[in-house]
Amino acid sequence: PRMVHLHTLVLDSCKLRSSELGFLGRVPTVTTLSLNKNDITEFDVALNILSHSFPNLSFVSLLGNPFLSTLTAPRDIAAYRVQAAVKIFALRILDCSAVSAEERRDA
């Protein structure tokens, strides 16, 4: 197994695009992932890769990525958070905010 002791991965400001997020392969030991200020424009693509590459994530931060600026209505932001909770089962914190019981229930 590779990187068996890696629990926290910070890849802020690395200019990563959605499709490039699986470059490490599957790393089930990572529970904390920070991808702030990258070039993630396709959240669906990113979420699929992250959920497969890092199946035990409990903390994810995607602040400062272009896709977030398209989420202007509260309903869109809520849908984003629920979608993340659906795909990342262990998710407890998303973008510095706890995943609420309501978001978990809606998932």
C-alpha atoms as a PDB file:
ATOM      1  CA  PRO A   1       0.000   0.000   0.000  1.00  0.00           C
ATOM      2  CA  ARG A   2       1.107   3.528  -0.796  1.00  0.00           C
ATOM      3  CA  MET A   3       1.011   6.475   1.584  1.00  0.00           C
ATOM      4  CA  VAL A   4      -0.522   4.485   4.447  1.00  0.00           C
ATOM      5  CA  HIS A   5       0.262   7.241   6.963  1.00  0.00           C
ATOM      6  CA  LEU A   6      -1.142  10.132   4.921  1.00  0.00           C
ATOM      7  CA  HIS A   7      -4.194  11.568   6.686  1.00  0.00           C
ATOM      8  CA  THR A   8      -4.166  15.242   5.723  1.00  0.00           C
ATOM      9  CA  LEU A   9      -3.572  16.518   2.218  1.00  0.00           C
ATOM     10  CA  VAL A  10      -3.361  20.252   1.460  1.00  0.00           C
ATOM     11  CA  LEU A  11      -3.246  21.106  -2.234  1.00  0.00           C
ATOM     12  CA  ASP A  12      -4.272  24.760  -2.080  1.00  0.00           C
ATOM     13  CA  SER A  13      -3.374  27.057  -5.006  1.00  0.00           C
ATOM     14  CA  CYS A  14      -1.986  24.257  -7.184  1.00  0.00           C
ATOM     15  CA  LYS A  15      -4.003  25.195 -10.301  1.00  0.00           C
ATOM     16  CA  LEU A  16      -5.599  21.738 -10.302  1.00  0.00           C
ATOM     17  CA  ARG A  17      -8.536  21.165 -12.652  1.00  0.00           C
ATOM     18  CA  SER A  18     -11.487  18.892 -11.923  1.00  0.00           C
ATOM     19  CA  SER A  19     -10.238  16.053 -14.122  1.00  0.00           C
ATOM     20  CA  GLU A  20      -6.756  16.083 -12.553  1.00  0.00           C
ATOM     21  CA  LEU A  21      -7.821  15.323  -9.003  1.00  0.00           C
ATOM     22  CA  GLY A  22      -7.248  11.576  -9.195  1.00  0.00           C
ATOM     23  CA  PHE A  23      -3.507  11.880  -9.800  1.00  0.00           C
ATOM     24  CA  LEU A  24      -2.670  10.182  -6.486  1.00  0.00           C
ATOM     25  CA  GLY A  25      -4.850   7.158  -7.173  1.00  0.00           C
ATOM     26  CA  ARG A  26      -6.828   5.664  -4.302  1.00  0.00           C
ATOM     27  CA  VAL A  27      -5.681   6.872  -0.877  1.00  0.00           C
ATOM     28  CA  PRO A  28      -8.185   5.608   1.717  1.00  0.00           C
ATOM     29  CA  THR A  29      -6.191   6.916   4.694  1.00  0.00           C
ATOM     30  CA  VAL A  30      -6.797  10.591   3.800  1.00  0.00           C
ATOM     31  CA  THR A  31      -9.553  12.063   5.963  1.00  0.00           C
ATOM     32  CA  THR A  32      -8.792  15.777   5.496  1.00  0.00           C
ATOM     33  CA  LEU A  33      -8.470  17.341   2.058  1.00  0.00           C
ATOM     34  CA  SER A  34      -7.999  21.009   1.233  1.00  0.00           C
ATOM     35  CA  LEU A  35      -8.283  22.031  -2.418  1.00  0.00           C
ATOM     36  CA  ASN A  36      -8.849  25.756  -1.944  1.00  0.00           C
ATOM     37  CA  LYS A  37      -8.083  28.215  -4.758  1.00  0.00           C
ATOM     38  CA  ASN A  38      -7.591  25.735  -7.580  1.00  0.00           C
ATOM     39  CA  ASP A  39      -9.216  25.646 -11.024  1.00  0.00           C
ATOM     40  CA  ILE A  40     -12.073  23.260 -10.256  1.00  0.00           C
ATOM     41  CA  THR A  41     -14.905  24.207 -12.603  1.00  0.00           C
ATOM     42  CA  GLU A  42     -16.854  20.930 -12.809  1.00  0.00           C
ATOM     43  CA  PHE A  43     -18.056  19.967  -9.364  1.00  0.00           C
ATOM     44  CA  ASP A  44     -19.732  16.722 -10.508  1.00  0.00           C
ATOM     45  CA  VAL A  45     -16.487  15.469 -12.054  1.00  0.00           C
ATOM     46  CA  ALA A  46     -14.460  16.526  -9.019  1.00  0.00           C
ATOM     47  CA  LEU A  47     -16.894  14.906  -6.602  1.00  0.00           C
ATOM     48  CA  ASN A  48     -16.831  11.575  -8.441  1.00  0.00           C
ATOM     49  CA  ILE A  49     -13.042  11.508  -8.420  1.00  0.00           C
ATOM     50  CA  LEU A  50     -12.764  12.582  -4.783  1.00  0.00           C
ATOM     51  CA  SER A  51     -15.316  10.040  -3.554  1.00  0.00           C
ATOM     52  CA  HIS A  52     -13.402   7.199  -5.251  1.00  0.00           C
ATOM     53  CA  SER A  53      -9.857   8.380  -4.554  1.00  0.00           C
ATOM     54  CA  PHE A  54     -10.481   9.382  -0.935  1.00  0.00           C
ATOM     55  CA  PRO A  55     -13.381   7.241   0.365  1.00  0.00           C
ATOM     56  CA  ASN A  56     -12.916   8.185   4.028  1.00  0.00           C
ATOM     57  CA  LEU A  57     -12.958  11.970   3.819  1.00  0.00           C
ATOM     58  CA  SER A  58     -14.519  13.738   6.766  1.00  0.00           C
ATOM     59  CA  PHE A  59     -13.221  17.274   6.046  1.00  0.00           C
ATOM     60  CA  VAL A  60     -13.172  18.835   2.569  1.00  0.00           C
ATOM     61  CA  SER A  61     -12.528  22.452   1.648  1.00  0.00           C
ATOM     62  CA  LEU A  62     -13.083  23.690  -1.903  1.00  0.00           C
ATOM     63  CA  LEU A  63     -13.235  27.417  -1.218  1.00  0.00           C
ATOM     64  CA  GLY A  64     -12.048  29.772  -3.947  1.00  0.00           C
ATOM     65  CA  ASN A  65     -12.739  27.430  -6.859  1.00  0.00           C
ATOM     66  CA  PRO A  66     -14.566  28.756  -9.942  1.00  0.00           C
ATOM     67  CA  PHE A  67     -17.555  26.411  -9.648  1.00  0.00           C
ATOM     68  CA  LEU A  68     -18.506  27.965  -6.306  1.00  0.00           C
ATOM     69  CA  SER A  69     -19.034  31.389  -7.887  1.00  0.00           C
ATOM     70  CA  THR A  70     -21.817  29.864 -10.020  1.00  0.00           C
ATOM     71  CA  LEU A  71     -23.750  28.901  -6.885  1.00  0.00           C
ATOM     72  CA  THR A  72     -25.503  32.171  -6.154  1.00  0.00           C
ATOM     73  CA  ALA A  73     -28.935  31.125  -4.887  1.00  0.00           C
ATOM     74  CA  PRO A  74     -29.247  29.628  -1.404  1.00  0.00           C
ATOM     75  CA  ARG A  75     -31.001  26.651  -3.019  1.00  0.00           C
ATOM     76  CA  ASP A  76     -27.932  26.010  -5.236  1.00  0.00           C
ATOM     77  CA  ILE A  77     -25.580  26.128  -2.277  1.00  0.00           C
ATOM     78  CA  ALA A  78     -27.830  23.762  -0.320  1.00  0.00           C
ATOM     79  CA  ALA A  79     -27.926  21.344  -3.275  1.00  0.00           C
ATOM     80  CA  TYR A  80     -24.113  21.451  -3.518  1.00  0.00           C
ATOM     81  CA  ARG A  81     -23.758  20.567   0.151  1.00  0.00           C
ATOM     82  CA  VAL A  82     -26.315  17.740  -0.021  1.00  0.00           C
ATOM     83  CA  GLN A  83     -24.691  16.347  -3.181  1.00  0.00           C
ATOM     84  CA  ALA A  84     -21.320  16.296  -1.417  1.00  0.00           C
ATOM     85  CA  ALA A  85     -22.844  14.528   1.614  1.00  0.00           C
ATOM     86  CA  VAL A  86     -24.424  11.916  -0.682  1.00  0.00           C
ATOM     87  CA  LYS A  87     -21.157  11.023  -2.432  1.00  0.00           C
ATOM     88  CA  ILE A  88     -18.789  11.372   0.536  1.00  0.00           C
ATOM     89  CA  PHE A  89     -20.443   9.278   3.239  1.00  0.00           C
ATOM     90  CA  ALA A  90     -18.122  10.216   6.127  1.00  0.00           C
ATOM     91  CA  LEU A  91     -18.231  13.962   5.355  1.00  0.00           C
ATOM     92  CA  ARG A  92     -18.610  16.026   8.535  1.00  0.00           C
ATOM     93  CA  ILE A  93     -17.170  19.410   7.493  1.00  0.00           C
ATOM     94  CA  LEU A  94     -17.531  21.039   4.069  1.00  0.00           C
ATOM     95  CA  ASP A  95     -15.914  24.406   3.398  1.00  0.00           C
ATOM     96  CA  CYS A  96     -15.390  25.124   7.104  1.00  0.00           C
ATOM     97  CA  SER A  97     -19.056  24.438   7.990  1.00  0.00           C
ATOM     98  CA  ALA A  98     -20.391  21.323   9.658  1.00  0.00           C
ATOM     99  CA  VAL A  99     -22.653  19.140   7.561  1.00  0.00           C
ATOM    100  CA  SER A 100     -25.978  19.559   9.333  1.00  0.00           C
ATOM    101  CA  ALA A 101     -28.390  16.832  10.339  1.00  0.00           C
ATOM    102  CA  GLU A 102     -30.836  18.277   7.790  1.00  0.00           C
ATOM    103  CA  GLU A 103     -28.251  18.060   4.994  1.00  0.00           C
ATOM    104  CA  ARG A 104     -27.416  14.511   6.035  1.00  0.00           C
ATOM    105  CA  ARG A 105     -31.135  13.613   6.115  1.00  0.00           C
ATOM    106  CA  ASP A 106     -31.691  15.143   2.661  1.00  0.00           C
ATOM    107  CA  ALA A 107     -28.772  13.080   1.395  1.00  0.00           C
END
